[in-house]
Amino acid sequence: MINKKFLYSSLFVFAFIFSSSNIFSQKIYSVDYKSDADVKVFVSDYKSDADLVVYKCSYKSDADGNKGLWYFVDYKSDADKKIFFVDYKSDADCIIYFSEYKSDAGWKNNSKKSLFY
């Protein structure tokens, strides 16, 4: 017979691990108004200017961790972060560069990492 205390503690650990795996996922929604945004971003034409190199994922399950792997959701309520694209670099909280390659994704300026937690 399985010990009930062991079973409950095992279920708790499993539930914690399962739920914490999505804590830092990067489901992004682009808002229409700056005041609705969690983070204001500027898209650079040059990777060397970026704080974060972003790869747009085709599947929600690929966008895990705070590593620049973003999945754009259709509804604001599904998003982990709401962003607003600004026209000027000086207005941005974070400068990003969109890469065609998943392997390029990642932080270049770790001091900005907390913006997406």
PDB file of N, CA and C in Angstrom:
ATOM      1  N   MET A   1       0.841  -1.186   0.000  1.00  0.00           N
ATOM      2  CA  MET A   1       0.000   0.000   0.000  1.00  0.00           C
ATOM      3  C   MET A   1       0.885   1.249   0.000  1.00  0.00           C
ATOM      4  N   ILE A   2       0.489   2.217  -0.744  1.00  0.00           N
ATOM      5  CA  ILE A   2       1.251   3.470  -0.847  1.00  0.00           C
ATOM      6  C   ILE A   2       0.912   4.381   0.326  1.00  0.00           C
ATOM      7  N   ASN A   3       1.933   4.946   0.896  1.00  0.00           N
ATOM      8  CA  ASN A   3       1.777   5.870   1.999  1.00  0.00           C
ATOM      9  C   ASN A   3       1.073   7.136   1.496  1.00  0.00           C
ATOM     10  N   LYS A   4      -0.039   7.532   2.138  1.00  0.00           N
ATOM     11  CA  LYS A   4      -0.814   8.702   1.695  1.00  0.00           C
ATOM     12  C   LYS A   4       0.005   9.980   1.786  1.00  0.00           C
ATOM     13  N   LYS A   5       0.776  10.116   2.828  1.00  0.00           N
ATOM     14  CA  LYS A   5       1.587  11.324   3.005  1.00  0.00           C
ATOM     15  C   LYS A   5       2.597  11.445   1.861  1.00  0.00           C
ATOM     16  N   PHE A   6       3.217  10.324   1.499  1.00  0.00           N
ATOM     17  CA  PHE A   6       4.165  10.320   0.379  1.00  0.00           C
ATOM     18  C   PHE A   6       3.457  10.680  -0.924  1.00  0.00           C
ATOM     19  N   LEU A   7       2.279  10.119  -1.131  1.00  0.00           N
ATOM     20  CA  LEU A   7       1.509  10.379  -2.347  1.00  0.00           C
ATOM     21  C   LEU A   7       1.149  11.857  -2.456  1.00  0.00           C
ATOM     22  N   TYR A   8       0.654  12.441  -1.375  1.00  0.00           N
ATOM     23  CA  TYR A   8       0.273  13.859  -1.398  1.00  0.00           C
ATOM     24  C   TYR A   8       1.481  14.765  -1.600  1.00  0.00           C
ATOM     25  N   SER A   9       2.582  14.455  -0.941  1.00  0.00           N
ATOM     26  CA  SER A   9       3.773  15.290  -1.108  1.00  0.00           C
ATOM     27  C   SER A   9       4.328  15.166  -2.523  1.00  0.00           C
ATOM     28  N   SER A  10       4.248  13.959  -3.095  1.00  0.00           N
ATOM     29  CA  SER A  10       4.703  13.773  -4.474  1.00  0.00           C
ATOM     30  C   SER A  10       3.836  14.545  -5.452  1.00  0.00           C
ATOM     31  N   LEU A  11       2.535  14.526  -5.227  1.00  0.00           N
ATOM     32  CA  LEU A  11       1.619  15.283  -6.084  1.00  0.00           C
ATOM     33  C   LEU A  11       1.872  16.787  -5.969  1.00  0.00           C
ATOM     34  N   PHE A  12       2.137  17.251  -4.749  1.00  0.00           N
ATOM     35  CA  PHE A  12       2.428  18.663  -4.544  1.00  0.00           C
ATOM     36  C   PHE A  12       3.688  19.070  -5.301  1.00  0.00           C
ATOM     37  N   VAL A  13       4.743  18.282  -5.194  1.00  0.00           N
ATOM     38  CA  VAL A  13       6.000  18.577  -5.889  1.00  0.00           C
ATOM     39  C   VAL A  13       5.783  18.583  -7.399  1.00  0.00           C
ATOM     40  N   PHE A  14       5.066  17.594  -7.916  1.00  0.00           N
ATOM     41  CA  PHE A  14       4.775  17.520  -9.342  1.00  0.00           C
ATOM     42  C   PHE A  14       3.993  18.757  -9.796  1.00  0.00           C
ATOM     43  N   ALA A  15       2.959  19.132  -9.033  1.00  0.00           N
ATOM     44  CA  ALA A  15       2.140  20.304  -9.388  1.00  0.00           C
ATOM     45  C   ALA A  15       2.981  21.583  -9.370  1.00  0.00           C
ATOM     46  N   PHE A  16       3.875  21.695  -8.390  1.00  0.00           N
ATOM     47  CA  PHE A  16       4.731  22.878  -8.309  1.00  0.00           C
ATOM     48  C   PHE A  16       5.660  22.964  -9.505  1.00  0.00           C
ATOM     49  N   ILE A  17       6.293  21.863  -9.846  1.00  0.00           N
ATOM     50  CA  ILE A  17       7.219  21.846 -10.984  1.00  0.00           C
ATOM     51  C   ILE A  17       6.468  22.140 -12.275  1.00  0.00           C
ATOM     52  N   PHE A  18       5.315  21.533 -12.448  1.00  0.00           N
ATOM     53  CA  PHE A  18       4.528  21.733 -13.666  1.00  0.00           C
ATOM     54  C   PHE A  18       4.087  23.185 -13.795  1.00  0.00           C
ATOM     55  N   SER A  19       3.599  23.780 -12.703  1.00  0.00           N
ATOM     56  CA  SER A  19       3.110  25.159 -12.779  1.00  0.00           C
ATOM     57  C   SER A  19       4.254  26.159 -12.875  1.00  0.00           C
ATOM     58  N   SER A  20       5.389  25.869 -12.279  1.00  0.00           N
ATOM     59  CA  SER A  20       6.498  26.819 -12.328  1.00  0.00           C
ATOM     60  C   SER A  20       7.199  26.826 -13.679  1.00  0.00           C
ATOM     61  N   SER A  21       6.979  25.805 -14.492  1.00  0.00           N
ATOM     62  CA  SER A  21       7.628  25.775 -15.798  1.00  0.00           C
ATOM     63  C   SER A  21       7.085  26.855 -16.723  1.00  0.00           C
ATOM     64  N   ASN A  22       5.891  27.373 -16.435  1.00  0.00           N
ATOM     65  CA  ASN A  22       5.304  28.419 -17.268  1.00  0.00           C
ATOM     66  C   ASN A  22       5.414  29.801 -16.654  1.00  0.00           C
ATOM     67  N   ILE A  23       6.048  29.915 -15.499  1.00  0.00           N
ATOM     68  CA  ILE A  23       6.147  31.206 -14.838  1.00  0.00           C
ATOM     69  C   ILE A  23       6.885  32.218 -15.702  1.00  0.00           C
ATOM     70  N   PHE A  24       7.922  31.785 -16.370  1.00  0.00           N
ATOM     71  CA  PHE A  24       8.729  32.704 -17.148  1.00  0.00           C
ATOM     72  C   PHE A  24       8.569  32.501 -18.649  1.00  0.00           C
ATOM     73  N   SER A  25       7.425  31.946 -19.060  1.00  0.00           N
ATOM     74  CA  SER A  25       7.227  31.802 -20.496  1.00  0.00           C
ATOM     75  C   SER A  25       6.989  33.178 -21.103  1.00  0.00           C
ATOM     76  N   GLN A  26       7.185  33.272 -22.383  1.00  0.00           N
ATOM     77  CA  GLN A  26       7.134  34.572 -23.036  1.00  0.00           C
ATOM     78  C   GLN A  26       6.013  34.629 -24.067  1.00  0.00           C
ATOM     79  N   LYS A  27       4.798  34.649 -23.556  1.00  0.00           N
ATOM     80  CA  LYS A  27       3.643  34.868 -24.411  1.00  0.00           C
ATOM     81  C   LYS A  27       3.411  36.371 -24.421  1.00  0.00           C
ATOM     82  N   ILE A  28       3.469  36.955 -25.598  1.00  0.00           N
ATOM     83  CA  ILE A  28       3.485  38.406 -25.762  1.00  0.00           C
ATOM     84  C   ILE A  28       2.227  38.869 -26.477  1.00  0.00           C
ATOM     85  N   TYR A  29       1.711  40.016 -26.034  1.00  0.00           N
ATOM     86  CA  TYR A  29       0.595  40.662 -26.717  1.00  0.00           C
ATOM     87  C   TYR A  29       1.007  42.097 -27.003  1.00  0.00           C
ATOM     88  N   SER A  30       0.796  42.528 -28.219  1.00  0.00           N
ATOM     89  CA  SER A  30       1.125  43.888 -28.624  1.00  0.00           C
ATOM     90  C   SER A  30      -0.101  44.778 -28.444  1.00  0.00           C
ATOM     91  N   VAL A  31       0.013  45.746 -27.542  1.00  0.00           N
ATOM     92  CA  VAL A  31      -1.112  46.642 -27.245  1.00  0.00           C
ATOM     93  C   VAL A  31      -1.075  47.865 -28.145  1.00  0.00           C
ATOM     94  N   ASP A  32      -2.216  48.529 -28.244  1.00  0.00           N
ATOM     95  CA  ASP A  32      -2.339  49.702 -29.114  1.00  0.00           C
ATOM     96  C   ASP A  32      -1.985  51.006 -28.408  1.00  0.00           C
ATOM     97  N   TYR A  33      -1.977  50.978 -27.084  1.00  0.00           N
ATOM     98  CA  TYR A  33      -1.718  52.197 -26.320  1.00  0.00           C
ATOM     99  C   TYR A  33      -0.560  51.993 -25.346  1.00  0.00           C
ATOM    100  N   LYS A  34       0.314  52.972 -25.299  1.00  0.00           N
ATOM    101  CA  LYS A  34       1.487  52.919 -24.422  1.00  0.00           C
ATOM    102  C   LYS A  34       1.102  52.694 -22.967  1.00  0.00           C
ATOM    103  N   SER A  35       0.002  53.296 -22.550  1.00  0.00           N
ATOM    104  CA  SER A  35      -0.424  53.185 -21.152  1.00  0.00           C
ATOM    105  C   SER A  35      -0.863  51.765 -20.771  1.00  0.00           C
ATOM    106  N   ASP A  36      -1.195  50.938 -21.754  1.00  0.00           N
ATOM    107  CA  ASP A  36      -1.600  49.559 -21.483  1.00  0.00           C
ATOM    108  C   ASP A  36      -0.418  48.593 -21.396  1.00  0.00           C
ATOM    109  N   ALA A  37       0.759  49.059 -21.732  1.00  0.00           N
ATOM    110  CA  ALA A  37       1.924  48.177 -21.854  1.00  0.00           C
ATOM    111  C   ALA A  37       2.633  47.943 -20.530  1.00  0.00           C
ATOM    112  N   ASP A  38       3.175  46.730 -20.406  1.00  0.00           N
ATOM    113  CA  ASP A  38       4.086  46.416 -19.307  1.00  0.00           C
ATOM    114  C   ASP A  38       5.488  46.901 -19.668  1.00  0.00           C
ATOM    115  N   VAL A  39       5.823  46.785 -20.956  1.00  0.00           N
ATOM    116  CA  VAL A  39       7.156  47.144 -21.441  1.00  0.00           C
ATOM    117  C   VAL A  39       7.030  47.853 -22.787  1.00  0.00           C
ATOM    118  N   LYS A  40       7.782  48.948 -22.933  1.00  0.00           N
ATOM    119  CA  LYS A  40       7.850  49.652 -24.214  1.00  0.00           C
ATOM    120  C   LYS A  40       9.112  49.195 -24.936  1.00  0.00           C
ATOM    121  N   VAL A  41       8.960  48.746 -26.176  1.00  0.00           N
ATOM    122  CA  VAL A  41      10.098  48.218 -26.917  1.00  0.00           C
ATOM    123  C   VAL A  41      10.307  48.978 -28.221  1.00  0.00           C
ATOM    124  N   PHE A  42      11.556  49.071 -28.593  1.00  0.00           N
ATOM    125  CA  PHE A  42      11.956  49.643 -29.875  1.00  0.00           C
ATOM    126  C   PHE A  42      12.627  48.540 -30.677  1.00  0.00           C
ATOM    127  N   VAL A  43      12.244  48.420 -31.935  1.00  0.00           N
ATOM    128  CA  VAL A  43      12.834  47.401 -32.798  1.00  0.00           C
ATOM    129  C   VAL A  43      13.986  48.025 -33.577  1.00  0.00           C
ATOM    130  N   SER A  44      15.172  47.508 -33.329  1.00  0.00           N
ATOM    131  CA  SER A  44      16.378  47.990 -33.992  1.00  0.00           C
ATOM    132  C   SER A  44      16.596  47.244 -35.298  1.00  0.00           C
ATOM    133  N   ASP A  45      17.223  47.920 -36.231  1.00  0.00           N
ATOM    134  CA  ASP A  45      17.610  47.292 -37.492  1.00  0.00           C
ATOM    135  C   ASP A  45      18.919  46.527 -37.361  1.00  0.00           C
ATOM    136  N   TYR A  46      19.600  46.723 -36.223  1.00  0.00           N
ATOM    137  CA  TYR A  46      20.927  46.135 -36.039  1.00  0.00           C
ATOM    138  C   TYR A  46      20.973  45.311 -34.752  1.00  0.00           C
ATOM    139  N   LYS A  47      21.453  44.093 -34.876  1.00  0.00           N
ATOM    140  CA  LYS A  47      21.570  43.209 -33.720  1.00  0.00           C
ATOM    141  C   LYS A  47      22.506  43.803 -32.665  1.00  0.00           C
ATOM    142  N   SER A  48      23.503  44.525 -33.099  1.00  0.00           N
ATOM    143  CA  SER A  48      24.485  45.090 -32.165  1.00  0.00           C
ATOM    144  C   SER A  48      23.889  46.156 -31.249  1.00  0.00           C
ATOM    145  N   ASP A  49      22.768  46.757 -31.626  1.00  0.00           N
ATOM    146  CA  ASP A  49      22.115  47.777 -30.801  1.00  0.00           C
ATOM    147  C   ASP A  49      21.155  47.189 -29.770  1.00  0.00           C
ATOM    148  N   ALA A  50      20.842  45.921 -29.899  1.00  0.00           N
ATOM    149  CA  ALA A  50      19.760  45.315 -29.120  1.00  0.00           C
ATOM    150  C   ALA A  50      20.167  44.941 -27.701  1.00  0.00           C
ATOM    151  N   ASP A  51      19.195  45.092 -26.800  1.00  0.00           N
ATOM    152  CA  ASP A  51      19.316  44.548 -25.449  1.00  0.00           C
ATOM    153  C   ASP A  51      18.929  43.072 -25.472  1.00  0.00           C
ATOM    154  N   LEU A  52      17.993  42.743 -26.372  1.00  0.00           N
ATOM    155  CA  LEU A  52      17.454  41.397 -26.480  1.00  0.00           C
ATOM    156  C   LEU A  52      17.254  41.031 -27.943  1.00  0.00           C
ATOM    157  N   VAL A  53      17.767  39.885 -28.319  1.00  0.00           N
ATOM    158  CA  VAL A  53      17.518  39.341 -29.656  1.00  0.00           C
ATOM    159  C   VAL A  53      16.332  38.401 -29.526  1.00  0.00           C
ATOM    160  N   VAL A  54      15.296  38.656 -30.320  1.00  0.00           N
ATOM    161  CA  VAL A  54      14.033  37.932 -30.216  1.00  0.00           C
ATOM    162  C   VAL A  54      13.815  37.053 -31.446  1.00  0.00           C
ATOM    163  N   TYR A  55      13.338  35.863 -31.165  1.00  0.00           N
ATOM    164  CA  TYR A  55      12.899  34.958 -32.231  1.00  0.00           C
ATOM    165  C   TYR A  55      11.407  34.725 -32.039  1.00  0.00           C
ATOM    166  N   LYS A  56      10.617  34.962 -33.084  1.00  0.00           N
ATOM    167  CA  LYS A  56       9.171  34.747 -33.015  1.00  0.00           C
ATOM    168  C   LYS A  56       8.873  33.272 -33.240  1.00  0.00           C
ATOM    169  N   CYS A  57       8.342  32.634 -32.216  1.00  0.00           N
ATOM    170  CA  CYS A  57       8.019  31.205 -32.279  1.00  0.00           C
ATOM    171  C   CYS A  57       6.676  30.988 -32.976  1.00  0.00           C
ATOM    172  N   SER A  58       6.584  29.873 -33.650  1.00  0.00           N
ATOM    173  CA  SER A  58       5.339  29.502 -34.325  1.00  0.00           C
ATOM    174  C   SER A  58       4.381  28.778 -33.385  1.00  0.00           C
ATOM    175  N   TYR A  59       4.924  28.226 -32.319  1.00  0.00           N
ATOM    176  CA  TYR A  59       4.125  27.454 -31.370  1.00  0.00           C
ATOM    177  C   TYR A  59       4.312  27.991 -29.957  1.00  0.00           C
ATOM    178  N   LYS A  60       3.207  28.065 -29.219  1.00  0.00           N
ATOM    179  CA  LYS A  60       3.234  28.566 -27.843  1.00  0.00           C
ATOM    180  C   LYS A  60       4.187  27.754 -26.971  1.00  0.00           C
ATOM    181  N   SER A  61       4.251  26.464 -27.203  1.00  0.00           N
ATOM    182  CA  SER A  61       5.090  25.587 -26.374  1.00  0.00           C
ATOM    183  C   SER A  61       6.585  25.852 -26.569  1.00  0.00           C
ATOM    184  N   ASP A  62       6.970  26.497 -27.654  1.00  0.00           N
ATOM    185  CA  ASP A  62       8.384  26.808 -27.896  1.00  0.00           C
ATOM    186  C   ASP A  62       8.845  28.044 -27.140  1.00  0.00           C
ATOM    187  N   ALA A  63       7.919  28.839 -26.673  1.00  0.00           N
ATOM    188  CA  ALA A  63       8.249  30.114 -26.030  1.00  0.00           C
ATOM    189  C   ALA A  63       8.356  29.947 -24.526  1.00  0.00           C
ATOM    190  N   ASP A  64       9.401  29.265 -24.085  1.00  0.00           N
ATOM    191  CA  ASP A  64       9.568  29.076 -22.653  1.00  0.00           C
ATOM    192  C   ASP A  64      10.829  29.765 -22.173  1.00  0.00           C
ATOM    193  N   GLY A  65      10.774  30.225 -20.953  1.00  0.00           N
ATOM    194  CA  GLY A  65      11.925  30.899 -20.364  1.00  0.00           C
ATOM    195  C   GLY A  65      12.050  32.332 -20.839  1.00  0.00           C
ATOM    196  N   ASN A  66      12.863  33.065 -20.149  1.00  0.00           N
ATOM    197  CA  ASN A  66      13.120  34.472 -20.474  1.00  0.00           C
ATOM    198  C   ASN A  66      14.366  34.529 -21.354  1.00  0.00           C
ATOM    199  N   LYS A  67      14.238  33.942 -22.564  1.00  0.00           N
ATOM    200  CA  LYS A  67      15.394  33.781 -23.443  1.00  0.00           C
ATOM    201  C   LYS A  67      15.217  34.445 -24.800  1.00  0.00           C
ATOM    202  N   GLY A  68      14.187  35.262 -24.947  1.00  0.00           N
ATOM    203  CA  GLY A  68      13.960  35.906 -26.230  1.00  0.00           C
ATOM    204  C   GLY A  68      13.162  35.074 -27.207  1.00  0.00           C
ATOM    205  N   LEU A  69      12.552  34.004 -26.730  1.00  0.00           N
ATOM    206  CA  LEU A  69      11.683  33.177 -27.561  1.00  0.00           C
ATOM    207  C   LEU A  69      10.246  33.624 -27.295  1.00  0.00           C
ATOM    208  N   TRP A  70       9.694  34.390 -28.220  1.00  0.00           N
ATOM    209  CA  TRP A  70       8.378  34.998 -28.019  1.00  0.00           C
ATOM    210  C   TRP A  70       7.335  34.340 -28.893  1.00  0.00           C
ATOM    211  N   TYR A  71       6.159  34.176 -28.297  1.00  0.00           N
ATOM    212  CA  TYR A  71       4.985  33.739 -29.034  1.00  0.00           C
ATOM    213  C   TYR A  71       3.944  34.833 -28.873  1.00  0.00           C
ATOM    214  N   PHE A  72       3.481  35.393 -29.991  1.00  0.00           N
ATOM    215  CA  PHE A  72       2.487  36.456 -29.940  1.00  0.00           C
ATOM    216  C   PHE A  72       1.087  35.850 -29.880  1.00  0.00           C
ATOM    217  N   VAL A  73       0.373  36.177 -28.790  1.00  0.00           N
ATOM    218  CA  VAL A  73      -0.974  35.651 -28.580  1.00  0.00           C
ATOM    219  C   VAL A  73      -2.005  36.618 -29.154  1.00  0.00           C
ATOM    220  N   ASP A  74      -3.200  36.104 -29.380  1.00  0.00           N
ATOM    221  CA  ASP A  74      -4.264  36.903 -29.986  1.00  0.00           C
ATOM    222  C   ASP A  74      -5.074  37.697 -28.971  1.00  0.00           C
ATOM    223  N   TYR A  75      -5.000  37.295 -27.705  1.00  0.00           N
ATOM    224  CA  TYR A  75      -5.795  37.942 -26.677  1.00  0.00           C
ATOM    225  C   TYR A  75      -4.910  38.430 -25.534  1.00  0.00           C
ATOM    226  N   LYS A  76      -5.189  39.634 -25.082  1.00  0.00           N
ATOM    227  CA  LYS A  76      -4.424  40.255 -24.004  1.00  0.00           C
ATOM    228  C   LYS A  76      -4.415  39.384 -22.750  1.00  0.00           C
ATOM    229  N   SER A  77      -5.529  38.749 -22.464  1.00  0.00           N
ATOM    230  CA  SER A  77      -5.637  37.927 -21.251  1.00  0.00           C
ATOM    231  C   SER A  77      -4.751  36.682 -21.289  1.00  0.00           C
ATOM    232  N   ASP A  78      -4.311  36.268 -22.467  1.00  0.00           N
ATOM    233  CA  ASP A  78      -3.433  35.096 -22.592  1.00  0.00           C
ATOM    234  C   ASP A  78      -1.957  35.448 -22.455  1.00  0.00           C
ATOM    235  N   ALA A  79      -1.645  36.721 -22.410  1.00  0.00           N
ATOM    236  CA  ALA A  79      -0.250  37.165 -22.445  1.00  0.00           C
ATOM    237  C   ALA A  79       0.411  37.151 -21.080  1.00  0.00           C
ATOM    238  N   ASP A  80       1.723  36.868 -21.097  1.00  0.00           N
ATOM    239  CA  ASP A  80       2.550  37.031 -19.910  1.00  0.00           C
ATOM    240  C   ASP A  80       3.016  38.481 -19.812  1.00  0.00           C
ATOM    241  N   LYS A  81       3.262  39.074 -20.964  1.00  0.00           N
ATOM    242  CA  LYS A  81       3.690  40.473 -21.022  1.00  0.00           C
ATOM    243  C   LYS A  81       2.983  41.186 -22.156  1.00  0.00           C
ATOM    244  N   LYS A  82       2.593  42.431 -21.874  1.00  0.00           N
ATOM    245  CA  LYS A  82       1.993  43.290 -22.892  1.00  0.00           C
ATOM    246  C   LYS A  82       3.044  44.317 -23.288  1.00  0.00           C
ATOM    247  N   ILE A  83       3.297  44.423 -24.592  1.00  0.00           N
ATOM    248  CA  ILE A  83       4.319  45.356 -25.057  1.00  0.00           C
ATOM    249  C   ILE A  83       3.713  46.389 -25.990  1.00  0.00           C
ATOM    250  N   PHE A  84       4.382  47.520 -26.057  1.00  0.00           N
ATOM    251  CA  PHE A  84       4.012  48.592 -26.981  1.00  0.00           C
ATOM    252  C   PHE A  84       5.257  48.930 -27.781  1.00  0.00           C
ATOM    253  N   PHE A  85       5.118  48.938 -29.092  1.00  0.00           N
ATOM    254  CA  PHE A  85       6.236  49.271 -29.968  1.00  0.00           C
ATOM    255  C   PHE A  85       6.315  50.790 -30.123  1.00  0.00           C
ATOM    256  N   VAL A  86       7.433  51.365 -29.687  1.00  0.00           N
ATOM    257  CA  VAL A  86       7.635  52.812 -29.780  1.00  0.00           C
ATOM    258  C   VAL A  86       8.416  53.140 -31.051  1.00  0.00           C
ATOM    259  N   ASP A  87       8.299  54.393 -31.480  1.00  0.00           N
ATOM    260  CA  ASP A  87       8.954  54.838 -32.709  1.00  0.00           C
ATOM    261  C   ASP A  87      10.386  55.322 -32.494  1.00  0.00           C
ATOM    262  N   TYR A  88      10.700  55.651 -31.245  1.00  0.00           N
ATOM    263  CA  TYR A  88      12.020  56.213 -30.953  1.00  0.00           C
ATOM    264  C   TYR A  88      12.730  55.393 -29.881  1.00  0.00           C
ATOM    265  N   LYS A  89      13.994  55.157 -30.113  1.00  0.00           N
ATOM    266  CA  LYS A  89      14.813  54.381 -29.182  1.00  0.00           C
ATOM    267  C   LYS A  89      14.802  54.982 -27.782  1.00  0.00           C
ATOM    268  N   SER A  90      14.789  56.294 -27.699  1.00  0.00           N
ATOM    269  CA  SER A  90      14.834  56.978 -26.408  1.00  0.00           C
ATOM    270  C   SER A  90      13.563  56.769 -25.573  1.00  0.00           C
ATOM    271  N   ASP A  91      12.465  56.373 -26.210  1.00  0.00           N
ATOM    272  CA  ASP A  91      11.212  56.117 -25.489  1.00  0.00           C
ATOM    273  C   ASP A  91      11.101  54.684 -24.976  1.00  0.00           C
ATOM    274  N   ALA A  92      12.037  53.835 -25.346  1.00  0.00           N
ATOM    275  CA  ALA A  92      11.927  52.406 -25.057  1.00  0.00           C
ATOM    276  C   ALA A  92      12.509  52.023 -23.705  1.00  0.00           C
ATOM    277  N   ASP A  93      11.879  51.010 -23.106  1.00  0.00           N
ATOM    278  CA  ASP A  93      12.440  50.367 -21.925  1.00  0.00           C
ATOM    279  C   ASP A  93      13.484  49.338 -22.353  1.00  0.00           C
ATOM    280  N   CYS A  94      13.251  48.754 -23.533  1.00  0.00           N
ATOM    281  CA  CYS A  94      14.106  47.688 -24.029  1.00  0.00           C
ATOM    282  C   CYS A  94      14.212  47.777 -25.552  1.00  0.00           C
ATOM    283  N   ILE A  95      15.413  47.581 -26.059  1.00  0.00           N
ATOM    284  CA  ILE A  95      15.643  47.583 -27.502  1.00  0.00           C
ATOM    285  C   ILE A  95      15.774  46.133 -27.949  1.00  0.00           C
ATOM    286  N   ILE A  96      14.968  45.766 -28.942  1.00  0.00           N
ATOM    287  CA  ILE A  96      14.997  44.385 -29.418  1.00  0.00           C
ATOM    288  C   ILE A  96      15.384  44.336 -30.889  1.00  0.00           C
ATOM    289  N   TYR A  97      15.815  43.163 -31.279  1.00  0.00           N
ATOM    290  CA  TYR A  97      16.115  42.882 -32.676  1.00  0.00           C
ATOM    291  C   TYR A  97      15.458  41.542 -33.000  1.00  0.00           C
ATOM    292  N   PHE A  98      14.660  41.499 -34.073  1.00  0.00           N
ATOM    293  CA  PHE A  98      14.022  40.257 -34.476  1.00  0.00           C
ATOM    294  C   PHE A  98      14.967  39.474 -35.371  1.00  0.00           C
ATOM    295  N   SER A  99      15.270  38.256 -34.961  1.00  0.00           N
ATOM    296  CA  SER A  99      16.151  37.380 -35.722  1.00  0.00           C
ATOM    297  C   SER A  99      15.344  36.313 -36.449  1.00  0.00           C
ATOM    298  N   GLU A 100      15.864  35.865 -37.552  1.00  0.00           N
ATOM    299  CA  GLU A 100      15.236  34.773 -38.307  1.00  0.00           C
ATOM    300  C   GLU A 100      15.629  33.409 -37.742  1.00  0.00           C
ATOM    301  N   TYR A 101      16.589  33.408 -36.830  1.00  0.00           N
ATOM    302  CA  TYR A 101      17.142  32.159 -36.324  1.00  0.00           C
ATOM    303  C   TYR A 101      16.916  32.015 -34.821  1.00  0.00           C
ATOM    304  N   LYS A 102      16.367  30.886 -34.435  1.00  0.00           N
ATOM    305  CA  LYS A 102      16.103  30.608 -33.025  1.00  0.00           C
ATOM    306  C   LYS A 102      17.384  30.611 -32.200  1.00  0.00           C
ATOM    307  N   SER A 103      18.459  30.160 -32.788  1.00  0.00           N
ATOM    308  CA  SER A 103      19.731  30.075 -32.069  1.00  0.00           C
ATOM    309  C   SER A 103      20.318  31.451 -31.725  1.00  0.00           C
ATOM    310  N   ASP A 104      19.863  32.498 -32.381  1.00  0.00           N
ATOM    311  CA  ASP A 104      20.341  33.858 -32.090  1.00  0.00           C
ATOM    312  C   ASP A 104      19.660  34.475 -30.870  1.00  0.00           C
ATOM    313  N   ALA A 105      18.518  33.952 -30.486  1.00  0.00           N
ATOM    314  CA  ALA A 105      17.723  34.549 -29.419  1.00  0.00           C
ATOM    315  C   ALA A 105      18.482  34.570 -28.105  1.00  0.00           C
ATOM    316  N   GLY A 106      18.332  35.671 -27.379  1.00  0.00           N
ATOM    317  CA  GLY A 106      18.952  35.771 -26.065  1.00  0.00           C
ATOM    318  C   GLY A 106      19.236  37.202 -25.663  1.00  0.00           C
ATOM    319  N   TRP A 107      19.600  37.340 -24.406  1.00  0.00           N
ATOM    320  CA  TRP A 107      19.882  38.651 -23.834  1.00  0.00           C
ATOM    321  C   TRP A 107      21.303  39.084 -24.146  1.00  0.00           C
ATOM    322  N   LYS A 108      21.452  40.340 -24.525  1.00  0.00           N
ATOM    323  CA  LYS A 108      22.769  40.936 -24.716  1.00  0.00           C
ATOM    324  C   LYS A 108      23.044  41.930 -23.591  1.00  0.00           C
ATOM    325  N   ASN A 109      21.974  42.392 -22.949  1.00  0.00           N
ATOM    326  CA  ASN A 109      22.078  43.325 -21.834  1.00  0.00           C
ATOM    327  C   ASN A 109      21.285  42.741 -20.671  1.00  0.00           C
ATOM    328  N   ASN A 110      21.962  42.013 -19.803  1.00  0.00           N
ATOM    329  CA  ASN A 110      21.297  41.315 -18.705  1.00  0.00           C
ATOM    330  C   ASN A 110      20.618  42.239 -17.701  1.00  0.00           C
ATOM    331  N   SER A 111      20.984  43.509 -17.663  1.00  0.00           N
ATOM    332  CA  SER A 111      20.353  44.436 -16.726  1.00  0.00           C
ATOM    333  C   SER A 111      18.884  44.694 -17.073  1.00  0.00           C
ATOM    334  N   LYS A 112      18.478  44.382 -18.284  1.00  0.00           N
ATOM    335  CA  LYS A 112      17.094  44.587 -18.720  1.00  0.00           C
ATOM    336  C   LYS A 112      16.238  43.322 -18.561  1.00  0.00           C
ATOM    337  N   LYS A 113      16.855  42.233 -18.178  1.00  0.00           N
ATOM    338  CA  LYS A 113      16.192  40.936 -18.087  1.00  0.00           C
ATOM    339  C   LYS A 113      14.946  40.973 -17.184  1.00  0.00           C
ATOM    340  N   SER A 114      15.019  41.743 -16.125  1.00  0.00           N
ATOM    341  CA  SER A 114      13.919  41.796 -15.165  1.00  0.00           C
ATOM    342  C   SER A 114      12.643  42.385 -15.756  1.00  0.00           C
ATOM    343  N   LEU A 115      12.725  43.090 -16.854  1.00  0.00           N
ATOM    344  CA  LEU A 115      11.542  43.659 -17.490  1.00  0.00           C
ATOM    345  C   LEU A 115      10.561  42.593 -17.951  1.00  0.00           C
ATOM    346  N   PHE A 116      11.059  41.402 -18.219  1.00  0.00           N
ATOM    347  CA  PHE A 116      10.213  40.344 -18.768  1.00  0.00           C
ATOM    348  C   PHE A 116       9.964  39.205 -17.784  1.00  0.00           C
ATOM    349  N   TYR A 117      10.210  39.451 -16.485  1.00  0.00           N
ATOM    350  CA  TYR A 117       9.847  38.458 -15.476  1.00  0.00           C
ATOM    351  C   TYR A 117       8.467  38.729 -14.987  1.00  0.00           C
TER     352      TYR A 117
END
